Amino acid sequence: MQKQTLQQNILKKAKQRFRVAGLPEVVITQRGTIDVAVGAIELPDGTKVTGGRVEPGEFTVTLHFSDDLSRDSYLDWFEQAVDKGAGGVDPNYKRSAEIEFLRAFTGKPGQFAESGDDLKSVFADLEGVWCMKYTIPDADIDSTDGDGASMLECTISYDDARVVTRSASRGVGEGSLRTQNRFDRMTGRAGVV
C-alpha cells in the first residue's frame, strides 16, 4: 500500500471566486459548465464557416443561502431584470463578471505556493452577465442528512466568455487591455494603472 500525505485546506484552494460588477465577491461551492463556442454558418455545399462571434450561453452557480449579503445582492440583481410595468427593466441589469479558478496545485507538484511573482492565475472573463433564474432551497424538518446548509442556485446568462491568464502579482483584471477595460468598468477606475 502506498501512503500519501495531503496538505491541509485543499478544499479552499479548489473552489472558485465569482466576481460580478457591483456585487460582493462570493466563493462558489458548485458551478455548471460554461460553454464557449463560435457560431457557425452552414454554406450551401454543406461546409461550415465561422460566424465570427462567441455564442451566448448560461450556467449555474451555487452559493450559501445563509450568507445574507450575497443572497440579498443576487436576489436584488435578479429583480433588476424583471419588468416593473411603467418602470420597465433596469437598463443596468447586464454586468461584467469574472471567475477566478483557484488552483489546487501551483509551483512544484504537491506543493502549494501562496505567493510569488511568477504565479499565473486563470480567469473566465464574462460579459453581458445577468441572473435569469434562481432556485429557493428546499427544506425537510425531518432530515438528518448533510450539514444543514441551504444553498441558493442561480442561473447566470452571458453574452461573451473568454479564458485569460494573468500574473498573480498584478491587480485583478490587469492582464490585458480587454480585461483592463472591463475591470475599469467594474470598479470605476478608468485610466488608473
Protein backbone atom coordinates (compact mmCIF):
# COMPACT_ATOMS: atom_id res chain seq x y z
CA MET A 1 0.00 0.00 0.00
CA GLN A 2 1.30 3.44 -0.90
CA LYS A 3 0.99 6.20 1.67
CA GLN A 4 0.41 9.78 0.58
CA THR A 5 0.03 12.94 2.59
CA LEU A 6 -2.43 15.63 1.61
CA GLN A 7 -1.73 19.18 2.58
CA GLN A 8 -4.36 20.89 4.68
CA ASN A 9 -7.06 23.22 3.34
CA ILE A 10 -7.13 21.63 -0.13
CA LEU A 11 -10.87 22.36 -0.42
CA LYS A 12 -10.34 26.08 -0.04
CA LYS A 13 -7.90 26.05 -2.94
CA ALA A 14 -10.17 24.01 -5.22
CA LYS A 15 -13.06 26.49 -5.05
CA GLN A 16 -13.63 29.41 -7.38
CA ARG A 17 -14.23 33.10 -6.73
CA PHE A 18 -17.08 34.73 -8.65
CA ARG A 19 -16.90 38.50 -9.01
CA VAL A 20 -19.79 40.40 -10.57
CA ALA A 21 -19.54 44.17 -11.01
CA GLY A 22 -21.40 45.87 -8.16
CA LEU A 23 -21.95 42.67 -6.13
CA PRO A 24 -19.94 41.18 -3.28
CA GLU A 25 -17.38 38.55 -4.23
CA VAL A 26 -18.57 35.03 -3.49
CA VAL A 27 -16.80 31.69 -3.31
CA ILE A 28 -18.92 29.32 -5.35
CA THR A 29 -19.46 25.86 -3.96
CA GLN A 30 -20.71 24.47 -7.30
CA ARG A 31 -20.77 25.78 -10.85
CA GLY A 32 -22.21 24.38 -14.03
CA THR A 33 -20.26 24.05 -17.27
CA ILE A 34 -19.56 27.21 -19.26
CA ASP A 35 -19.58 26.51 -22.99
CA VAL A 36 -17.54 28.83 -25.20
CA ALA A 37 -18.25 28.30 -28.90
CA VAL A 38 -18.02 30.41 -32.02
CA GLY A 39 -21.19 30.44 -34.06
CA ALA A 40 -21.05 28.62 -37.40
CA ILE A 41 -22.75 29.35 -40.70
CA GLU A 42 -23.56 26.41 -42.94
CA LEU A 43 -22.90 27.07 -46.61
CA PRO A 44 -24.99 25.59 -49.44
CA ASP A 45 -22.30 22.95 -50.11
CA GLY A 46 -22.62 21.70 -46.51
CA THR A 47 -19.34 23.15 -45.26
CA LYS A 48 -19.26 25.46 -42.27
CA VAL A 49 -17.53 28.78 -41.74
CA THR A 50 -17.18 30.85 -38.64
CA GLY A 51 -19.90 33.29 -37.72
CA GLY A 52 -17.22 35.36 -36.01
CA ARG A 53 -18.98 35.78 -32.66
CA VAL A 54 -18.93 33.77 -29.46
CA GLU A 55 -22.36 32.33 -28.83
CA PRO A 56 -24.18 33.38 -25.65
CA GLY A 57 -24.86 30.78 -23.00
CA GLU A 58 -25.80 30.12 -19.42
CA PHE A 59 -24.51 28.26 -16.38
CA THR A 60 -25.48 27.79 -12.75
CA VAL A 61 -23.68 28.87 -9.59
CA THR A 62 -24.45 27.68 -6.09
CA LEU A 63 -23.82 29.81 -3.02
CA HIS A 64 -24.80 29.72 0.63
CA PHE A 65 -28.40 30.86 1.23
CA SER A 66 -27.46 31.78 4.81
CA ASP A 67 -24.96 34.43 3.64
CA ASP A 68 -27.26 37.45 3.94
CA LEU A 69 -25.14 39.87 1.92
CA SER A 70 -24.59 37.51 -1.04
CA ARG A 71 -28.17 36.19 -1.04
CA ASP A 72 -29.75 39.65 -0.92
CA SER A 73 -27.37 41.01 -3.57
CA TYR A 74 -28.14 38.18 -6.01
CA LEU A 75 -31.90 38.37 -5.41
CA ASP A 76 -31.79 42.16 -5.98
CA TRP A 77 -29.76 41.58 -9.15
CA PHE A 78 -32.43 39.15 -10.39
CA GLU A 79 -35.13 41.78 -9.71
CA GLN A 80 -33.31 44.25 -11.99
CA ALA A 81 -34.19 42.02 -14.96
CA VAL A 82 -37.90 41.85 -14.05
CA ASP A 83 -40.22 44.19 -15.98
CA LYS A 84 -41.87 46.51 -13.50
CA GLY A 85 -44.55 47.86 -15.81
CA ALA A 86 -44.13 51.60 -16.34
CA GLY A 87 -40.58 51.45 -14.94
CA GLY A 88 -39.57 48.63 -17.26
CA VAL A 89 -36.38 46.64 -16.86
CA ASP A 90 -33.39 48.25 -15.14
CA PRO A 91 -31.02 49.17 -18.01
CA ASN A 92 -28.04 48.10 -15.86
CA TYR A 93 -29.16 44.51 -15.26
CA LYS A 94 -26.36 43.16 -17.51
CA ARG A 95 -22.90 43.33 -15.97
CA SER A 96 -19.31 42.25 -16.38
CA ALA A 97 -18.02 39.38 -14.27
CA GLU A 98 -15.09 37.08 -13.76
CA ILE A 99 -14.46 33.68 -12.26
CA GLU A 100 -11.07 33.13 -10.68
CA PHE A 101 -10.04 29.50 -10.79
CA LEU A 102 -8.20 28.88 -7.52
CA ARG A 103 -5.64 26.28 -8.42
CA ALA A 104 -5.18 23.26 -6.19
CA PHE A 105 -1.52 22.95 -7.20
CA THR A 106 0.83 25.69 -8.32
CA GLY A 107 4.59 25.67 -8.39
CA LYS A 108 6.19 22.26 -7.82
CA PRO A 109 3.85 19.24 -7.90
CA GLY A 110 2.41 18.50 -4.47
CA GLN A 111 3.29 21.90 -3.04
CA PHE A 112 1.05 24.90 -2.63
CA ALA A 113 2.51 28.26 -3.49
CA GLU A 114 0.80 31.01 -1.55
CA SER A 115 2.51 33.91 -3.29
CA GLY A 116 5.13 34.73 -5.85
CA ASP A 117 5.59 36.95 -8.87
CA ASP A 118 5.93 34.00 -11.24
CA LEU A 119 2.50 32.54 -10.49
CA LYS A 120 -0.27 32.86 -13.05
CA SER A 121 -3.96 32.90 -12.23
CA VAL A 122 -6.61 31.72 -14.65
CA PHE A 123 -9.84 33.67 -15.04
CA ALA A 124 -13.00 33.38 -17.08
CA ASP A 125 -13.98 36.88 -18.24
CA LEU A 126 -17.72 37.15 -18.83
CA GLU A 127 -19.61 39.99 -20.49
CA GLY A 128 -23.34 40.71 -20.60
CA VAL A 129 -23.95 38.68 -17.45
CA TRP A 130 -27.31 38.62 -15.67
CA CYS A 131 -29.19 36.44 -13.21
CA MET A 132 -32.06 34.91 -15.20
CA LYS A 133 -33.34 32.41 -12.62
CA TYR A 134 -32.85 31.33 -9.05
CA THR A 135 -33.95 28.30 -7.08
CA ILE A 136 -35.04 28.64 -3.46
CA PRO A 137 -33.60 25.77 -1.42
CA ASP A 138 -35.93 23.05 -0.22
CA ALA A 139 -36.42 22.23 3.45
CA ASP A 140 -37.10 18.98 5.28
CA ILE A 141 -37.65 19.34 9.00
CA ASP A 142 -37.19 15.58 9.50
CA SER A 143 -33.93 15.41 7.57
CA THR A 144 -30.84 14.21 9.38
CA ASP A 145 -28.68 14.14 6.24
CA GLY A 146 -25.99 16.63 5.39
CA ASP A 147 -24.68 19.54 7.39
CA GLY A 148 -27.88 21.57 7.32
CA ALA A 149 -26.54 24.05 4.74
CA SER A 150 -29.14 25.61 2.45
CA MET A 151 -27.87 26.59 -0.97
CA LEU A 152 -29.11 29.19 -3.43
CA GLU A 153 -28.74 28.14 -7.07
CA CYS A 154 -28.69 30.94 -9.64
CA THR A 155 -28.80 30.51 -13.41
CA ILE A 156 -26.48 33.07 -14.97
CA SER A 157 -26.76 34.11 -18.63
CA TYR A 158 -23.79 35.58 -20.51
CA ASP A 159 -23.23 37.15 -23.92
CA ASP A 160 -19.48 36.51 -24.18
CA ALA A 161 -16.88 34.39 -22.36
CA ARG A 162 -13.10 34.18 -22.61
CA VAL A 163 -10.42 32.42 -20.55
CA VAL A 164 -7.44 34.62 -19.71
CA THR A 165 -4.24 34.09 -17.74
CA ARG A 166 -2.57 36.88 -15.86
CA SER A 167 0.14 37.22 -13.28
CA ALA A 168 -0.93 36.92 -9.65
CA SER A 169 1.42 39.81 -8.80
CA ARG A 170 -0.71 42.22 -10.84
CA GLY A 171 -4.07 43.53 -9.78
CA VAL A 172 -7.21 41.64 -10.73
CA GLY A 173 -8.20 42.46 -14.27
CA GLU A 174 -4.85 43.97 -15.28
CA GLY A 175 -3.70 41.14 -17.55
CA SER A 176 -4.76 42.51 -20.93
CA LEU A 177 -6.22 45.65 -22.44
CA ARG A 178 -9.57 43.92 -22.95
CA THR A 179 -9.55 42.72 -19.35
CA GLN A 180 -8.29 46.07 -18.06
CA ASN A 181 -11.11 47.93 -19.80
CA ARG A 182 -13.66 45.52 -18.30
CA PHE A 183 -12.09 45.81 -14.84
CA ASP A 184 -12.13 49.62 -15.11
CA ARG A 185 -15.88 49.49 -15.84
CA MET A 186 -16.43 47.16 -12.85
CA THR A 187 -14.52 49.33 -10.39
CA GLY A 188 -14.86 52.81 -11.84
CA ARG A 189 -11.03 53.04 -12.00
CA ALA A 190 -10.79 54.11 -15.64
CA GLY A 191 -7.28 55.14 -16.54
CA VAL A 192 -5.68 54.03 -13.27
CA VAL A 193 -2.54 51.94 -13.69
